[in-house]
Amino acid sequence: MKNVGIQGAKSPNRSCTDADCPWHGTVSTRGKLIYGRLAGQKTKGMAVIERDYYQYVPKYSRYEKRRGKIHAHVPPCISVKEGQQVVAAECRPLSKTISFVVVGGTGE
């Protein structure tokens, strides 16, 4: 098992043979870290991460709350459920819409 390079990321207990796994495969992580809630996991190996953020509106001198969705790859060695808080790291594009990989879950 290799070092992913993210502080606080715990290595999974299980092993896998997925080539797109940052722990056991060849995918390296870089750039952004996304913290959000796992909104859906309908297809195998893919998840939708939903994150809330604030956007400043200069006209009204206030902030508005927004929500964005990001698609991420979930390796088989990481077990996460819908509604759980997860951490995803940026990687090379794995498909048309997936450029992040789930590194771990933070609590239930």
N, C-alpha and C. Protein backbone atom coordinates (compact mmCIF):
# COMPACT_ATOMS: atom_id res chain seq x y z
N MET A 1 0.84 -1.17 0.00
CA MET A 1 0.00 0.00 0.00
C MET A 1 0.89 1.23 0.00
N LYS A 2 0.54 2.21 -0.84
CA LYS A 2 1.38 3.39 -0.96
C LYS A 2 0.79 4.57 -0.18
N ASN A 3 1.60 5.60 -0.02
CA ASN A 3 1.18 6.82 0.66
C ASN A 3 0.46 7.71 -0.35
N VAL A 4 -0.74 8.17 -0.01
CA VAL A 4 -1.52 9.00 -0.92
C VAL A 4 -1.04 10.44 -0.89
N GLY A 5 -0.43 10.88 0.19
CA GLY A 5 0.09 12.23 0.29
C GLY A 5 -0.88 13.22 0.87
N ILE A 6 -1.92 12.73 1.55
CA ILE A 6 -2.92 13.60 2.16
C ILE A 6 -2.86 13.39 3.66
N GLN A 7 -2.60 14.47 4.40
CA GLN A 7 -2.51 14.35 5.85
C GLN A 7 -3.88 14.00 6.42
N GLY A 8 -3.90 13.09 7.35
CA GLY A 8 -5.13 12.69 8.02
C GLY A 8 -5.91 11.62 7.29
N ALA A 9 -5.50 11.24 6.08
CA ALA A 9 -6.20 10.19 5.34
C ALA A 9 -5.73 8.83 5.84
N LYS A 10 -6.67 8.04 6.33
CA LYS A 10 -6.34 6.71 6.85
C LYS A 10 -6.43 5.69 5.73
N SER A 11 -5.51 4.77 5.72
CA SER A 11 -5.52 3.72 4.69
C SER A 11 -6.66 2.75 4.99
N PRO A 12 -7.31 2.22 3.94
CA PRO A 12 -8.42 1.29 4.15
C PRO A 12 -7.95 -0.05 4.69
N ASN A 13 -8.84 -0.74 5.39
CA ASN A 13 -8.51 -2.05 5.97
C ASN A 13 -8.49 -3.14 4.90
N ARG A 14 -9.37 -3.02 3.90
CA ARG A 14 -9.43 -4.02 2.85
C ARG A 14 -8.47 -3.68 1.71
N SER A 15 -8.16 -4.66 0.90
CA SER A 15 -7.33 -4.42 -0.29
C SER A 15 -8.19 -4.65 -1.53
N CYS A 16 -7.75 -4.09 -2.65
CA CYS A 16 -8.50 -4.24 -3.90
C CYS A 16 -7.52 -4.33 -5.07
N THR A 17 -8.06 -4.66 -6.23
CA THR A 17 -7.25 -4.77 -7.44
C THR A 17 -7.67 -3.72 -8.46
N ASP A 18 -8.32 -2.66 -7.99
CA ASP A 18 -8.78 -1.59 -8.88
C ASP A 18 -7.59 -0.73 -9.32
N ALA A 19 -7.45 -0.51 -10.62
CA ALA A 19 -6.34 0.30 -11.14
C ALA A 19 -6.53 1.78 -10.84
N ASP A 20 -7.78 2.21 -10.58
CA ASP A 20 -8.07 3.60 -10.28
C ASP A 20 -8.15 3.89 -8.79
N CYS A 21 -7.60 3.02 -7.97
CA CYS A 21 -7.57 3.22 -6.52
C CYS A 21 -6.30 3.98 -6.16
N PRO A 22 -6.40 5.06 -5.34
CA PRO A 22 -5.18 5.78 -4.98
C PRO A 22 -4.28 5.00 -4.03
N TRP A 23 -4.83 4.05 -3.29
CA TRP A 23 -4.05 3.27 -2.33
C TRP A 23 -3.38 2.06 -2.99
N HIS A 24 -4.11 1.33 -3.84
CA HIS A 24 -3.61 0.06 -4.39
C HIS A 24 -3.36 0.11 -5.89
N GLY A 25 -3.78 1.18 -6.56
CA GLY A 25 -3.65 1.28 -8.01
C GLY A 25 -2.59 2.28 -8.44
N THR A 26 -2.77 2.82 -9.63
CA THR A 26 -1.76 3.71 -10.21
C THR A 26 -2.18 5.17 -10.24
N VAL A 27 -3.36 5.50 -9.75
CA VAL A 27 -3.85 6.88 -9.77
C VAL A 27 -3.19 7.68 -8.66
N SER A 28 -2.65 8.84 -9.03
CA SER A 28 -2.06 9.72 -8.02
C SER A 28 -2.99 10.91 -7.79
N THR A 29 -3.00 11.42 -6.57
CA THR A 29 -3.85 12.55 -6.22
C THR A 29 -3.03 13.83 -6.23
N ARG A 30 -3.73 14.94 -6.53
CA ARG A 30 -3.07 16.24 -6.58
C ARG A 30 -4.15 17.30 -6.46
N GLY A 31 -3.77 18.50 -6.14
CA GLY A 31 -4.69 19.63 -6.19
C GLY A 31 -5.70 19.70 -5.07
N LYS A 32 -6.97 19.85 -5.43
CA LYS A 32 -8.03 20.15 -4.48
C LYS A 32 -8.47 18.95 -3.65
N LEU A 33 -8.97 19.25 -2.46
CA LEU A 33 -9.67 18.29 -1.61
C LEU A 33 -11.10 18.77 -1.48
N ILE A 34 -12.05 17.88 -1.66
CA ILE A 34 -13.47 18.21 -1.57
C ILE A 34 -14.05 17.49 -0.36
N TYR A 35 -14.70 18.25 0.52
CA TYR A 35 -15.41 17.69 1.66
C TYR A 35 -16.89 17.87 1.40
N GLY A 36 -17.64 16.79 1.47
CA GLY A 36 -19.07 16.90 1.19
C GLY A 36 -19.82 15.67 1.65
N ARG A 37 -21.12 15.66 1.30
CA ARG A 37 -22.01 14.56 1.68
C ARG A 37 -22.24 13.68 0.47
N LEU A 38 -22.21 12.39 0.67
CA LEU A 38 -22.44 11.44 -0.42
C LEU A 38 -23.93 11.45 -0.74
N ALA A 39 -24.29 12.02 -1.88
CA ALA A 39 -25.69 12.19 -2.24
C ALA A 39 -26.25 10.96 -2.96
N GLY A 40 -25.44 10.26 -3.72
CA GLY A 40 -25.95 9.11 -4.45
C GLY A 40 -24.82 8.20 -4.90
N GLN A 41 -25.15 6.93 -5.01
CA GLN A 41 -24.17 5.93 -5.45
C GLN A 41 -24.91 4.86 -6.25
N LYS A 42 -25.47 5.26 -7.40
CA LYS A 42 -26.31 4.36 -8.16
C LYS A 42 -25.52 3.43 -9.08
N THR A 43 -24.43 3.92 -9.66
CA THR A 43 -23.63 3.07 -10.53
C THR A 43 -22.43 2.52 -9.77
N LYS A 44 -21.91 1.43 -10.27
CA LYS A 44 -20.78 0.78 -9.60
C LYS A 44 -19.51 1.61 -9.78
N GLY A 45 -18.88 1.96 -8.67
CA GLY A 45 -17.63 2.67 -8.73
C GLY A 45 -17.74 4.18 -8.89
N MET A 46 -18.97 4.74 -8.90
CA MET A 46 -19.14 6.18 -9.06
C MET A 46 -20.09 6.69 -8.00
N ALA A 47 -19.80 7.90 -7.51
CA ALA A 47 -20.65 8.51 -6.50
C ALA A 47 -20.84 9.98 -6.81
N VAL A 48 -21.93 10.54 -6.31
CA VAL A 48 -22.21 11.96 -6.44
C VAL A 48 -22.00 12.60 -5.07
N ILE A 49 -21.10 13.57 -5.00
CA ILE A 49 -20.80 14.26 -3.75
C ILE A 49 -21.43 15.64 -3.82
N GLU A 50 -22.23 15.97 -2.81
CA GLU A 50 -22.91 17.25 -2.75
C GLU A 50 -22.26 18.12 -1.69
N ARG A 51 -21.91 19.35 -2.06
CA ARG A 51 -21.28 20.24 -1.09
C ARG A 51 -21.98 21.59 -1.10
N ASP A 52 -22.12 22.18 0.09
CA ASP A 52 -22.73 23.49 0.25
C ASP A 52 -21.63 24.53 0.39
N TYR A 53 -21.86 25.70 -0.20
CA TYR A 53 -20.90 26.78 -0.09
C TYR A 53 -21.64 28.11 -0.17
N TYR A 54 -20.96 29.19 0.20
CA TYR A 54 -21.54 30.52 0.17
C TYR A 54 -20.91 31.33 -0.96
N GLN A 55 -21.74 32.07 -1.69
CA GLN A 55 -21.30 32.92 -2.78
C GLN A 55 -21.67 34.36 -2.44
N TYR A 56 -20.72 35.28 -2.55
CA TYR A 56 -20.96 36.68 -2.23
C TYR A 56 -21.69 37.37 -3.38
N VAL A 57 -22.76 38.13 -3.06
CA VAL A 57 -23.51 38.90 -4.04
C VAL A 57 -23.22 40.38 -3.79
N PRO A 58 -22.40 41.04 -4.64
CA PRO A 58 -22.00 42.42 -4.36
C PRO A 58 -23.16 43.42 -4.39
N LYS A 59 -24.18 43.17 -5.20
CA LYS A 59 -25.30 44.10 -5.31
C LYS A 59 -26.01 44.28 -3.98
N TYR A 60 -26.17 43.18 -3.24
CA TYR A 60 -26.88 43.23 -1.96
C TYR A 60 -25.94 43.19 -0.76
N SER A 61 -24.65 43.10 -1.00
CA SER A 61 -23.63 43.02 0.06
C SER A 61 -23.93 41.88 1.04
N ARG A 62 -24.34 40.76 0.49
CA ARG A 62 -24.68 39.60 1.31
C ARG A 62 -24.15 38.32 0.65
N TYR A 63 -24.28 37.24 1.39
CA TYR A 63 -23.90 35.93 0.88
C TYR A 63 -25.15 35.11 0.62
N GLU A 64 -25.10 34.31 -0.44
CA GLU A 64 -26.18 33.37 -0.69
C GLU A 64 -25.63 31.95 -0.63
N LYS A 65 -26.48 31.05 -0.19
CA LYS A 65 -26.08 29.66 -0.03
C LYS A 65 -26.30 28.93 -1.36
N ARG A 66 -25.29 28.20 -1.80
CA ARG A 66 -25.39 27.43 -3.03
C ARG A 66 -24.99 25.98 -2.76
N ARG A 67 -25.38 25.14 -3.71
CA ARG A 67 -25.07 23.71 -3.59
C ARG A 67 -24.54 23.22 -4.91
N GLY A 68 -23.44 22.47 -4.87
CA GLY A 68 -22.86 21.93 -6.09
C GLY A 68 -22.67 20.43 -5.98
N LYS A 69 -22.72 19.76 -7.12
CA LYS A 69 -22.54 18.31 -7.16
C LYS A 69 -21.29 17.97 -7.96
N ILE A 70 -20.54 17.02 -7.45
CA ILE A 70 -19.30 16.58 -8.10
C ILE A 70 -19.33 15.06 -8.19
N HIS A 71 -18.95 14.54 -9.35
CA HIS A 71 -18.87 13.09 -9.53
C HIS A 71 -17.48 12.62 -9.12
N ALA A 72 -17.42 11.48 -8.43
CA ALA A 72 -16.14 10.95 -7.97
C ALA A 72 -16.14 9.43 -8.09
N HIS A 73 -14.95 8.87 -8.24
CA HIS A 73 -14.77 7.41 -8.29
C HIS A 73 -14.64 6.88 -6.87
N VAL A 74 -15.31 5.76 -6.60
CA VAL A 74 -15.22 5.12 -5.28
C VAL A 74 -14.53 3.77 -5.45
N PRO A 75 -13.32 3.60 -4.91
CA PRO A 75 -12.65 2.29 -5.00
C PRO A 75 -13.38 1.24 -4.17
N PRO A 76 -13.29 -0.03 -4.55
CA PRO A 76 -13.99 -1.08 -3.81
C PRO A 76 -13.47 -1.29 -2.39
N CYS A 77 -12.26 -0.83 -2.09
CA CYS A 77 -11.71 -1.04 -0.75
C CYS A 77 -12.26 -0.02 0.26
N ILE A 78 -12.92 1.03 -0.20
CA ILE A 78 -13.50 2.04 0.69
C ILE A 78 -15.00 1.84 0.74
N SER A 79 -15.54 1.62 1.93
CA SER A 79 -16.98 1.42 2.08
C SER A 79 -17.61 2.69 2.63
N VAL A 80 -18.43 3.32 1.82
CA VAL A 80 -19.16 4.53 2.22
C VAL A 80 -20.63 4.34 1.87
N LYS A 81 -21.49 5.02 2.62
CA LYS A 81 -22.93 4.92 2.42
C LYS A 81 -23.49 6.29 2.08
N GLU A 82 -24.69 6.30 1.50
CA GLU A 82 -25.34 7.56 1.17
C GLU A 82 -25.64 8.34 2.45
N GLY A 83 -25.40 9.64 2.41
CA GLY A 83 -25.61 10.49 3.56
C GLY A 83 -24.38 10.68 4.42
N GLN A 84 -23.35 9.91 4.18
CA GLN A 84 -22.12 9.98 4.98
C GLN A 84 -21.22 11.10 4.46
N GLN A 85 -20.47 11.74 5.35
CA GLN A 85 -19.51 12.76 4.97
C GLN A 85 -18.27 12.08 4.40
N VAL A 86 -17.79 12.55 3.24
CA VAL A 86 -16.64 11.94 2.59
C VAL A 86 -15.62 13.00 2.20
N VAL A 87 -14.41 12.53 1.92
CA VAL A 87 -13.33 13.38 1.43
C VAL A 87 -12.91 12.83 0.08
N ALA A 88 -12.87 13.71 -0.93
CA ALA A 88 -12.46 13.32 -2.27
C ALA A 88 -11.27 14.17 -2.69
N ALA A 89 -10.32 13.55 -3.36
CA ALA A 89 -9.12 14.24 -3.82
C ALA A 89 -9.13 14.31 -5.34
N GLU A 90 -8.56 15.38 -5.87
CA GLU A 90 -8.49 15.55 -7.32
C GLU A 90 -7.45 14.59 -7.90
N CYS A 91 -7.74 14.08 -9.08
CA CYS A 91 -6.81 13.19 -9.78
C CYS A 91 -6.93 13.47 -11.28
N ARG A 92 -6.27 12.69 -12.07
CA ARG A 92 -6.38 12.84 -13.52
C ARG A 92 -7.81 12.46 -13.94
N PRO A 93 -8.28 12.93 -15.09
CA PRO A 93 -9.63 12.57 -15.53
C PRO A 93 -9.76 11.06 -15.74
N LEU A 94 -10.71 10.44 -15.04
CA LEU A 94 -10.95 9.01 -15.17
C LEU A 94 -12.03 8.72 -16.21
N SER A 95 -12.92 9.67 -16.43
CA SER A 95 -13.93 9.57 -17.47
C SER A 95 -14.35 10.98 -17.87
N LYS A 96 -15.44 11.10 -18.60
CA LYS A 96 -15.88 12.41 -19.06
C LYS A 96 -16.20 13.35 -17.91
N THR A 97 -16.82 12.85 -16.84
CA THR A 97 -17.25 13.70 -15.74
C THR A 97 -16.51 13.45 -14.44
N ILE A 98 -15.70 12.42 -14.36
CA ILE A 98 -15.05 12.06 -13.09
C ILE A 98 -13.58 12.49 -13.09
N SER A 99 -13.25 13.43 -12.18
CA SER A 99 -11.87 13.87 -11.99
C SER A 99 -11.50 13.87 -10.51
N PHE A 100 -12.29 13.20 -9.69
CA PHE A 100 -12.01 13.10 -8.26
C PHE A 100 -12.14 11.65 -7.85
N VAL A 101 -11.44 11.28 -6.78
CA VAL A 101 -11.50 9.93 -6.24
C VAL A 101 -11.72 10.04 -4.73
N VAL A 102 -12.62 9.21 -4.19
CA VAL A 102 -12.93 9.24 -2.76
C VAL A 102 -11.77 8.62 -2.01
N VAL A 103 -11.25 9.38 -1.03
CA VAL A 103 -10.10 8.95 -0.23
C VAL A 103 -10.57 8.33 1.08
N GLY A 104 -11.69 8.77 1.61
CA GLY A 104 -12.19 8.22 2.86
C GLY A 104 -13.46 8.88 3.31
N GLY A 105 -14.07 8.29 4.33
CA GLY A 105 -15.28 8.84 4.93
C GLY A 105 -14.95 9.42 6.30
N THR A 106 -15.69 10.44 6.69
CA THR A 106 -15.47 11.08 7.98
C THR A 106 -16.72 10.95 8.82
N GLY A 107 -16.81 9.90 9.60
CA GLY A 107 -17.96 9.71 10.48
C GLY A 107 -19.17 9.19 9.74
N GLU A 108 -20.24 8.94 10.48
CA GLU A 108 -21.48 8.45 9.89
C GLU A 108 -22.55 9.50 9.90
